[in-house]
Amino acid sequence: MIEVENIHVAIGPVSILHDVSLRVAPGRLVTVIGANGAGKTTLLRTLSNLVRPRSGAIRFEGRPTSGMDPHRLARAGLVHVPQGRQIVPNLTVRDNLVIGADRVAGLDADAIAQGLEREFARFPVLKERQHILGGNLSGGEQQMLAVSRALMMRPKALLLDEPSLGLAPQVVRTILKALRQLADEGLAVLLVEQLALLALDTADEAHVLQRGHVALSGPARDLRRDRAVIESYLG
């Protein structure tokens, strides 16, 4: 679904990513972990074409993404949940959900209604709070809303940047459980996360990003069990 081959990314004179390669197949949850400043957010911004690589190739569903603007890429099914949630604070929960499906995915009224029912079942608190302004939600509720808004666009691949940031452990577990279920249902999920152990517990495959390059890759369960990996790369 997503193929990244030897991308190099620089912002001005500063090199951020060096020869990064990875793949995310349908039905797989892949995590990228690493310390702050490792380049994790830049990687997702590059996949979404918010940042353009200096070299290397990115393909989505076998087609190069170079030249596609982020909006077109989202319409094609590559949807990005950025760090900081970026919901619309002066719209209700329900309207936040509808706006993505309507303006980005172009769904009709029946499809939007089905999407709302699906997301309210996934995160029941959103149904309870559907008429509350997004800005009045707790941090955890806002993150659930951000994930559900992305899912209203009917993605084929979902990119998530630090969904655990600033959230209580129980909320984090709820969100990661939902992501695991989405992958099991066939979605391609790429999760960037600083809570490495939780990410490794959830993912199928993992890449450790260190100073802009992939220092280690493998099955998540193997990396999770390797104490030397934890101590050397994750602290």
C-alpha atoms as a PDB file:
ATOM      1  CA  MET A   1       0.000   0.000   0.000  1.00  0.00           C
ATOM      2  CA  ILE A   2       2.796   2.414   1.010  1.00  0.00           C
ATOM      3  CA  GLU A   3       6.313   1.963  -0.318  1.00  0.00           C
ATOM      4  CA  VAL A   4       9.175   4.234   0.689  1.00  0.00           C
ATOM      5  CA  GLU A   5      12.542   3.708  -0.956  1.00  0.00           C
ATOM      6  CA  ASN A   6      15.737   5.452   0.110  1.00  0.00           C
ATOM      7  CA  ILE A   7      14.251   8.880   0.683  1.00  0.00           C
ATOM      8  CA  HIS A   8      16.468  11.759   1.705  1.00  0.00           C
ATOM      9  CA  VAL A   9      14.769  14.817   3.198  1.00  0.00           C
ATOM     10  CA  ALA A  10      16.342  18.152   4.059  1.00  0.00           C
ATOM     11  CA  ILE A  11      14.820  21.390   5.255  1.00  0.00           C
ATOM     12  CA  GLY A  12      17.030  24.171   3.998  1.00  0.00           C
ATOM     13  CA  PRO A  13      20.620  23.140   4.685  1.00  0.00           C
ATOM     14  CA  VAL A  14      19.630  20.720   7.466  1.00  0.00           C
ATOM     15  CA  SER A  15      19.403  17.050   6.517  1.00  0.00           C
ATOM     16  CA  ILE A  16      16.558  15.343   8.412  1.00  0.00           C
ATOM     17  CA  LEU A  17      16.069  11.877   6.879  1.00  0.00           C
ATOM     18  CA  HIS A  18      18.776   9.721   5.303  1.00  0.00           C
ATOM     19  CA  ASP A  19      18.012   6.796   2.973  1.00  0.00           C
ATOM     20  CA  VAL A  20      14.830   5.789   4.803  1.00  0.00           C
ATOM     21  CA  SER A  21      12.961   2.793   3.397  1.00  0.00           C
ATOM     22  CA  LEU A  22       9.842   1.036   4.674  1.00  0.00           C
ATOM     23  CA  ARG A  23       6.648  -0.636   3.516  1.00  0.00           C
ATOM     24  CA  VAL A  24       3.142  -0.788   4.953  1.00  0.00           C
ATOM     25  CA  ALA A  25       0.842  -3.489   3.575  1.00  0.00           C
ATOM     26  CA  PRO A  26      -2.940  -3.675   3.920  1.00  0.00           C
ATOM     27  CA  GLY A  27      -3.914  -5.290   7.198  1.00  0.00           C
ATOM     28  CA  ARG A  28      -0.626  -4.414   8.887  1.00  0.00           C
ATOM     29  CA  LEU A  29       0.164  -1.967  11.659  1.00  0.00           C
ATOM     30  CA  VAL A  30       3.710  -0.666  11.316  1.00  0.00           C
ATOM     31  CA  THR A  31       5.232   1.597  13.944  1.00  0.00           C
ATOM     32  CA  VAL A  32       8.131   4.013  13.722  1.00  0.00           C
ATOM     33  CA  ILE A  33       9.662   4.720  17.100  1.00  0.00           C
ATOM     34  CA  GLY A  34      12.575   6.780  18.311  1.00  0.00           C
ATOM     35  CA  ALA A  35      13.612   9.700  20.443  1.00  0.00           C
ATOM     36  CA  ASN A  36      12.495  13.293  19.977  1.00  0.00           C
ATOM     37  CA  GLY A  37      14.268  14.816  17.000  1.00  0.00           C
ATOM     38  CA  ALA A  38      14.796  11.495  15.240  1.00  0.00           C
ATOM     39  CA  GLY A  39      12.768  12.642  12.211  1.00  0.00           C
ATOM     40  CA  LYS A  40       9.511  10.785  12.859  1.00  0.00           C
ATOM     41  CA  THR A  41       7.165  13.720  12.212  1.00  0.00           C
ATOM     42  CA  THR A  42       9.127  14.745   9.120  1.00  0.00           C
ATOM     43  CA  LEU A  43       8.699  11.219   7.781  1.00  0.00           C
ATOM     44  CA  LEU A  44       4.901  11.427   7.979  1.00  0.00           C
ATOM     45  CA  ARG A  45       4.843  14.946   6.547  1.00  0.00           C
ATOM     46  CA  THR A  46       6.931  13.673   3.646  1.00  0.00           C
ATOM     47  CA  LEU A  47       4.577  10.749   3.016  1.00  0.00           C
ATOM     48  CA  SER A  48       1.687  13.244   2.931  1.00  0.00           C
ATOM     49  CA  ASN A  49       3.572  15.504   0.481  1.00  0.00           C
ATOM     50  CA  LEU A  50       3.654  18.360   2.975  1.00  0.00           C
ATOM     51  CA  VAL A  51       7.432  18.063   2.642  1.00  0.00           C
ATOM     52  CA  ARG A  52       9.078  16.934  -0.594  1.00  0.00           C
ATOM     53  CA  PRO A  53      12.074  14.562  -0.527  1.00  0.00           C
ATOM     54  CA  ARG A  54      15.329  15.570  -2.161  1.00  0.00           C
ATOM     55  CA  SER A  55      15.750  12.042  -3.494  1.00  0.00           C
ATOM     56  CA  GLY A  56      14.227   8.585  -3.286  1.00  0.00           C
ATOM     57  CA  ALA A  57      10.742   7.350  -4.160  1.00  0.00           C
ATOM     58  CA  ILE A  58       7.353   7.133  -2.454  1.00  0.00           C
ATOM     59  CA  ARG A  59       4.541   5.058  -3.934  1.00  0.00           C
ATOM     60  CA  PHE A  60       0.954   4.642  -2.816  1.00  0.00           C
ATOM     61  CA  GLU A  61      -0.953   1.687  -4.274  1.00  0.00           C
ATOM     62  CA  GLY A  62       1.971   1.198  -6.631  1.00  0.00           C
ATOM     63  CA  ARG A  63       1.846   4.720  -8.057  1.00  0.00           C
ATOM     64  CA  PRO A  64       4.389   7.497  -7.401  1.00  0.00           C
ATOM     65  CA  THR A  65       3.036  10.288  -5.208  1.00  0.00           C
ATOM     66  CA  SER A  66       5.450  12.959  -6.433  1.00  0.00           C
ATOM     67  CA  GLY A  67       3.549  15.926  -7.802  1.00  0.00           C
ATOM     68  CA  MET A  68       0.302  15.138  -5.981  1.00  0.00           C
ATOM     69  CA  ASP A  69      -0.860  17.817  -3.581  1.00  0.00           C
ATOM     70  CA  PRO A  70      -1.815  16.690  -0.054  1.00  0.00           C
ATOM     71  CA  HIS A  71      -5.534  17.172  -0.690  1.00  0.00           C
ATOM     72  CA  ARG A  72      -5.488  14.882  -3.728  1.00  0.00           C
ATOM     73  CA  LEU A  73      -3.468  12.330  -1.819  1.00  0.00           C
ATOM     74  CA  ALA A  74      -6.033  12.322   1.005  1.00  0.00           C
ATOM     75  CA  ARG A  75      -8.833  11.881  -1.532  1.00  0.00           C
ATOM     76  CA  ALA A  76      -6.933   8.918  -2.975  1.00  0.00           C
ATOM     77  CA  GLY A  77      -6.992   7.292   0.466  1.00  0.00           C
ATOM     78  CA  LEU A  78      -3.748   8.269   2.214  1.00  0.00           C
ATOM     79  CA  VAL A  79      -4.981  10.116   5.303  1.00  0.00           C
ATOM     80  CA  HIS A  80      -2.775  11.778   7.919  1.00  0.00           C
ATOM     81  CA  VAL A  81      -3.716  12.419  11.569  1.00  0.00           C
ATOM     82  CA  PRO A  82      -1.139  15.045  12.565  1.00  0.00           C
ATOM     83  CA  GLN A  83       0.356  15.717  15.942  1.00  0.00           C
ATOM     84  CA  GLY A  84      -1.750  18.197  17.896  1.00  0.00           C
ATOM     85  CA  ARG A  85      -5.093  16.805  16.605  1.00  0.00           C
ATOM     86  CA  GLN A  86      -6.053  19.984  14.653  1.00  0.00           C
ATOM     87  CA  ILE A  87      -9.776  19.566  15.065  1.00  0.00           C
ATOM     88  CA  VAL A  88     -12.002  22.594  14.434  1.00  0.00           C
ATOM     89  CA  PRO A  89     -12.693  23.905  17.957  1.00  0.00           C
ATOM     90  CA  ASN A  90     -15.763  25.992  17.126  1.00  0.00           C
ATOM     91  CA  LEU A  91     -17.583  23.129  15.379  1.00  0.00           C
ATOM     92  CA  THR A  92     -19.450  20.359  17.171  1.00  0.00           C
ATOM     93  CA  VAL A  93     -18.128  16.826  17.336  1.00  0.00           C
ATOM     94  CA  ARG A  94     -20.669  15.782  14.737  1.00  0.00           C
ATOM     95  CA  ASP A  95     -19.768  18.616  12.371  1.00  0.00           C
ATOM     96  CA  ASN A  96     -16.052  17.874  12.742  1.00  0.00           C
ATOM     97  CA  LEU A  97     -16.781  14.338  11.594  1.00  0.00           C
ATOM     98  CA  VAL A  98     -19.022  15.370   8.729  1.00  0.00           C
ATOM     99  CA  ILE A  99     -16.688  18.024   7.337  1.00  0.00           C
ATOM    100  CA  GLY A 100     -13.958  15.545   6.422  1.00  0.00           C
ATOM    101  CA  ALA A 101     -16.329  13.076   4.826  1.00  0.00           C
ATOM    102  CA  ASP A 102     -18.137  15.773   2.883  1.00  0.00           C
ATOM    103  CA  ARG A 103     -15.316  18.033   1.712  1.00  0.00           C
ATOM    104  CA  VAL A 104     -12.456  15.571   1.410  1.00  0.00           C
ATOM    105  CA  ALA A 105     -14.020  12.207   0.660  1.00  0.00           C
ATOM    106  CA  GLY A 106     -17.059  13.599  -1.176  1.00  0.00           C
ATOM    107  CA  LEU A 107     -19.460  11.087   0.401  1.00  0.00           C
ATOM    108  CA  ASP A 108     -23.217  11.326   0.009  1.00  0.00           C
ATOM    109  CA  ALA A 109     -25.666  11.680   2.908  1.00  0.00           C
ATOM    110  CA  ASP A 110     -26.252   7.933   3.321  1.00  0.00           C
ATOM    111  CA  ALA A 111     -22.539   7.176   3.400  1.00  0.00           C
ATOM    112  CA  ILE A 112     -21.957   9.966   5.921  1.00  0.00           C
ATOM    113  CA  ALA A 113     -24.737   8.609   8.158  1.00  0.00           C
ATOM    114  CA  GLN A 114     -23.192   5.136   8.009  1.00  0.00           C
ATOM    115  CA  GLY A 115     -19.796   6.595   8.826  1.00  0.00           C
ATOM    116  CA  LEU A 116     -21.160   8.446  11.836  1.00  0.00           C
ATOM    117  CA  GLU A 117     -22.812   5.299  13.137  1.00  0.00           C
ATOM    118  CA  ARG A 118     -19.552   3.376  12.715  1.00  0.00           C
ATOM    119  CA  GLU A 119     -17.437   5.990  14.503  1.00  0.00           C
ATOM    120  CA  PHE A 120     -19.924   6.438  17.334  1.00  0.00           C
ATOM    121  CA  ALA A 121     -19.754   2.678  17.878  1.00  0.00           C
ATOM    122  CA  ARG A 122     -15.945   2.800  17.833  1.00  0.00           C
ATOM    123  CA  PHE A 123     -15.742   5.630  20.380  1.00  0.00           C
ATOM    124  CA  PRO A 124     -19.075   5.817  22.269  1.00  0.00           C
ATOM    125  CA  VAL A 125     -18.003   8.969  24.102  1.00  0.00           C
ATOM    126  CA  LEU A 126     -18.159  10.829  20.783  1.00  0.00           C
ATOM    127  CA  LYS A 127     -21.816   9.896  20.416  1.00  0.00           C
ATOM    128  CA  GLU A 128     -22.502  11.172  23.915  1.00  0.00           C
ATOM    129  CA  ARG A 129     -20.655  14.422  23.128  1.00  0.00           C
ATOM    130  CA  GLN A 130     -21.702  14.821  19.486  1.00  0.00           C
ATOM    131  CA  HIS A 131     -23.353  18.220  20.030  1.00  0.00           C
ATOM    132  CA  ILE A 132     -20.479  19.616  22.130  1.00  0.00           C
ATOM    133  CA  LEU A 133     -17.976  21.982  20.514  1.00  0.00           C
ATOM    134  CA  GLY A 134     -14.699  20.289  19.705  1.00  0.00           C
ATOM    135  CA  GLY A 135     -12.785  22.854  21.715  1.00  0.00           C
ATOM    136  CA  ASN A 136     -14.669  21.845  24.855  1.00  0.00           C
ATOM    137  CA  LEU A 137     -13.608  18.210  24.723  1.00  0.00           C
ATOM    138  CA  SER A 138     -10.907  16.710  26.883  1.00  0.00           C
ATOM    139  CA  GLY A 139      -7.552  15.948  25.262  1.00  0.00           C
ATOM    140  CA  GLY A 140      -8.410  12.267  24.970  1.00  0.00           C
ATOM    141  CA  GLU A 141     -11.796  12.993  23.433  1.00  0.00           C
ATOM    142  CA  GLN A 142     -10.169  15.356  20.939  1.00  0.00           C
ATOM    143  CA  GLN A 143      -7.715  12.651  19.907  1.00  0.00           C
ATOM    144  CA  MET A 144     -10.528  10.140  19.421  1.00  0.00           C
ATOM    145  CA  LEU A 145     -12.310  12.774  17.335  1.00  0.00           C
ATOM    146  CA  ALA A 146      -9.194  13.348  15.236  1.00  0.00           C
ATOM    147  CA  VAL A 147      -8.891   9.618  14.534  1.00  0.00           C
ATOM    148  CA  SER A 148     -12.585   9.252  13.732  1.00  0.00           C
ATOM    149  CA  ARG A 149     -12.573  12.317  11.488  1.00  0.00           C
ATOM    150  CA  ALA A 150      -9.764  10.706   9.486  1.00  0.00           C
ATOM    151  CA  LEU A 151     -11.680   7.434   9.295  1.00  0.00           C
ATOM    152  CA  MET A 152     -14.752   9.269   7.981  1.00  0.00           C
ATOM    153  CA  MET A 153     -12.666   9.879   4.851  1.00  0.00           C
ATOM    154  CA  ARG A 154     -12.594   6.104   4.240  1.00  0.00           C
ATOM    155  CA  PRO A 155      -8.821   5.824   4.070  1.00  0.00           C
ATOM    156  CA  LYS A 156      -6.929   2.940   2.556  1.00  0.00           C
ATOM    157  CA  ALA A 157      -3.891   3.875   4.637  1.00  0.00           C
ATOM    158  CA  LEU A 158      -3.803   5.845   7.876  1.00  0.00           C
ATOM    159  CA  LEU A 159      -0.795   7.805   9.148  1.00  0.00           C
ATOM    160  CA  LEU A 160      -0.788   8.831  12.813  1.00  0.00           C
ATOM    161  CA  ASP A 161       1.691  11.135  14.522  1.00  0.00           C
ATOM    162  CA  GLU A 162       2.061  10.628  18.294  1.00  0.00           C
ATOM    163  CA  PRO A 163      -1.624   9.927  19.103  1.00  0.00           C
ATOM    164  CA  SER A 164      -0.646   9.287  22.745  1.00  0.00           C
ATOM    165  CA  LEU A 165       0.783  12.777  23.295  1.00  0.00           C
ATOM    166  CA  GLY A 166      -0.401  14.204  26.604  1.00  0.00           C
ATOM    167  CA  LEU A 167      -3.069  11.569  27.185  1.00  0.00           C
ATOM    168  CA  ALA A 168      -3.908   9.398  30.184  1.00  0.00           C
ATOM    169  CA  PRO A 169      -2.784   5.751  29.899  1.00  0.00           C
ATOM    170  CA  GLN A 170      -6.338   4.394  29.688  1.00  0.00           C
ATOM    171  CA  VAL A 171      -7.159   6.693  26.761  1.00  0.00           C
ATOM    172  CA  VAL A 172      -3.936   5.687  25.014  1.00  0.00           C
ATOM    173  CA  ARG A 173      -4.852   2.021  25.366  1.00  0.00           C
ATOM    174  CA  THR A 174      -8.332   2.701  23.942  1.00  0.00           C
ATOM    175  CA  ILE A 175      -6.902   4.430  20.885  1.00  0.00           C
ATOM    176  CA  LEU A 176      -4.216   1.813  20.266  1.00  0.00           C
ATOM    177  CA  LYS A 177      -6.797  -0.953  20.599  1.00  0.00           C
ATOM    178  CA  ALA A 178      -8.896   0.781  17.936  1.00  0.00           C
ATOM    179  CA  LEU A 179      -5.871   1.058  15.631  1.00  0.00           C
ATOM    180  CA  ARG A 180      -5.080  -2.624  16.108  1.00  0.00           C
ATOM    181  CA  GLN A 181      -8.656  -3.519  15.197  1.00  0.00           C
ATOM    182  CA  LEU A 182      -8.528  -1.309  12.097  1.00  0.00           C
ATOM    183  CA  ALA A 183      -5.398  -3.088  10.894  1.00  0.00           C
ATOM    184  CA  ASP A 184      -6.997  -6.465  11.587  1.00  0.00           C
ATOM    185  CA  GLU A 185      -9.912  -5.351   9.389  1.00  0.00           C
ATOM    186  CA  GLY A 186      -7.547  -4.664   6.491  1.00  0.00           C
ATOM    187  CA  LEU A 187      -6.438  -1.042   6.846  1.00  0.00           C
ATOM    188  CA  ALA A 188      -2.771  -0.151   6.371  1.00  0.00           C
ATOM    189  CA  VAL A 189      -1.679   1.756   9.486  1.00  0.00           C
ATOM    190  CA  LEU A 190       1.595   3.619  10.025  1.00  0.00           C
ATOM    191  CA  LEU A 191       1.958   4.751  13.626  1.00  0.00           C
ATOM    192  CA  VAL A 192       4.662   7.176  14.714  1.00  0.00           C
ATOM    193  CA  GLU A 193       4.964   6.971  18.476  1.00  0.00           C
ATOM    194  CA  GLN A 194       7.275   7.967  21.285  1.00  0.00           C
ATOM    195  CA  LEU A 195       5.768   5.483  23.771  1.00  0.00           C
ATOM    196  CA  ALA A 196       7.895   2.757  22.279  1.00  0.00           C
ATOM    197  CA  LEU A 197       6.898  -0.201  24.421  1.00  0.00           C
ATOM    198  CA  LEU A 198       3.172   0.370  23.943  1.00  0.00           C
ATOM    199  CA  ALA A 199       3.696   0.799  20.210  1.00  0.00           C
ATOM    200  CA  LEU A 200       5.696  -2.431  20.024  1.00  0.00           C
ATOM    201  CA  ASP A 201       2.961  -4.248  21.947  1.00  0.00           C
ATOM    202  CA  THR A 202       0.413  -3.117  19.330  1.00  0.00           C
ATOM    203  CA  ALA A 203       2.268  -3.253  16.024  1.00  0.00           C
ATOM    204  CA  ASP A 204       3.127  -6.043  13.599  1.00  0.00           C
ATOM    205  CA  GLU A 205       6.400  -4.523  12.441  1.00  0.00           C
ATOM    206  CA  ALA A 206       8.642  -1.776  13.773  1.00  0.00           C
ATOM    207  CA  HIS A 207      11.359   0.575  12.597  1.00  0.00           C
ATOM    208  CA  VAL A 208      13.633   2.367  15.020  1.00  0.00           C
ATOM    209  CA  LEU A 209      14.505   5.816  13.680  1.00  0.00           C
ATOM    210  CA  GLN A 210      17.719   7.296  15.040  1.00  0.00           C
ATOM    211  CA  ARG A 211      19.102  10.639  13.886  1.00  0.00           C
ATOM    212  CA  GLY A 212      17.196  10.440  10.639  1.00  0.00           C
ATOM    213  CA  HIS A 213      18.039   6.926   9.545  1.00  0.00           C
ATOM    214  CA  VAL A 214      16.495   3.531  10.207  1.00  0.00           C
ATOM    215  CA  ALA A 215      18.775   1.962  12.794  1.00  0.00           C
ATOM    216  CA  LEU A 216      16.804  -1.252  13.192  1.00  0.00           C
ATOM    217  CA  SER A 217      13.768  -2.983  11.701  1.00  0.00           C
ATOM    218  CA  GLY A 218      11.922  -6.205  12.400  1.00  0.00           C
ATOM    219  CA  PRO A 219       8.839  -7.864  13.835  1.00  0.00           C
ATOM    220  CA  ALA A 220       7.569  -5.722  16.694  1.00  0.00           C
ATOM    221  CA  ARG A 221       7.326  -8.660  19.093  1.00  0.00           C
ATOM    222  CA  ASP A 222      11.002  -9.492  18.544  1.00  0.00           C
ATOM    223  CA  LEU A 223      12.152  -5.947  19.194  1.00  0.00           C
ATOM    224  CA  ARG A 224       9.916  -5.792  22.252  1.00  0.00           C
ATOM    225  CA  ARG A 225      11.629  -8.845  23.750  1.00  0.00           C
ATOM    226  CA  ASP A 226      15.185  -7.726  22.982  1.00  0.00           C
ATOM    227  CA  ARG A 227      16.461  -5.920  26.062  1.00  0.00           C
ATOM    228  CA  ALA A 228      19.591  -4.790  24.253  1.00  0.00           C
ATOM    229  CA  VAL A 229      17.404  -3.023  21.686  1.00  0.00           C
ATOM    230  CA  ILE A 230      15.385  -1.314  24.397  1.00  0.00           C
ATOM    231  CA  GLU A 231      18.486  -0.137  26.251  1.00  0.00           C
ATOM    232  CA  SER A 232      20.459   0.904  23.175  1.00  0.00           C
ATOM    233  CA  TYR A 233      17.790   2.683  21.157  1.00  0.00           C
ATOM    234  CA  LEU A 234      14.855   3.448  23.413  1.00  0.00           C
ATOM    235  CA  GLY A 235      16.332   4.127  26.856  1.00  0.00           C
END
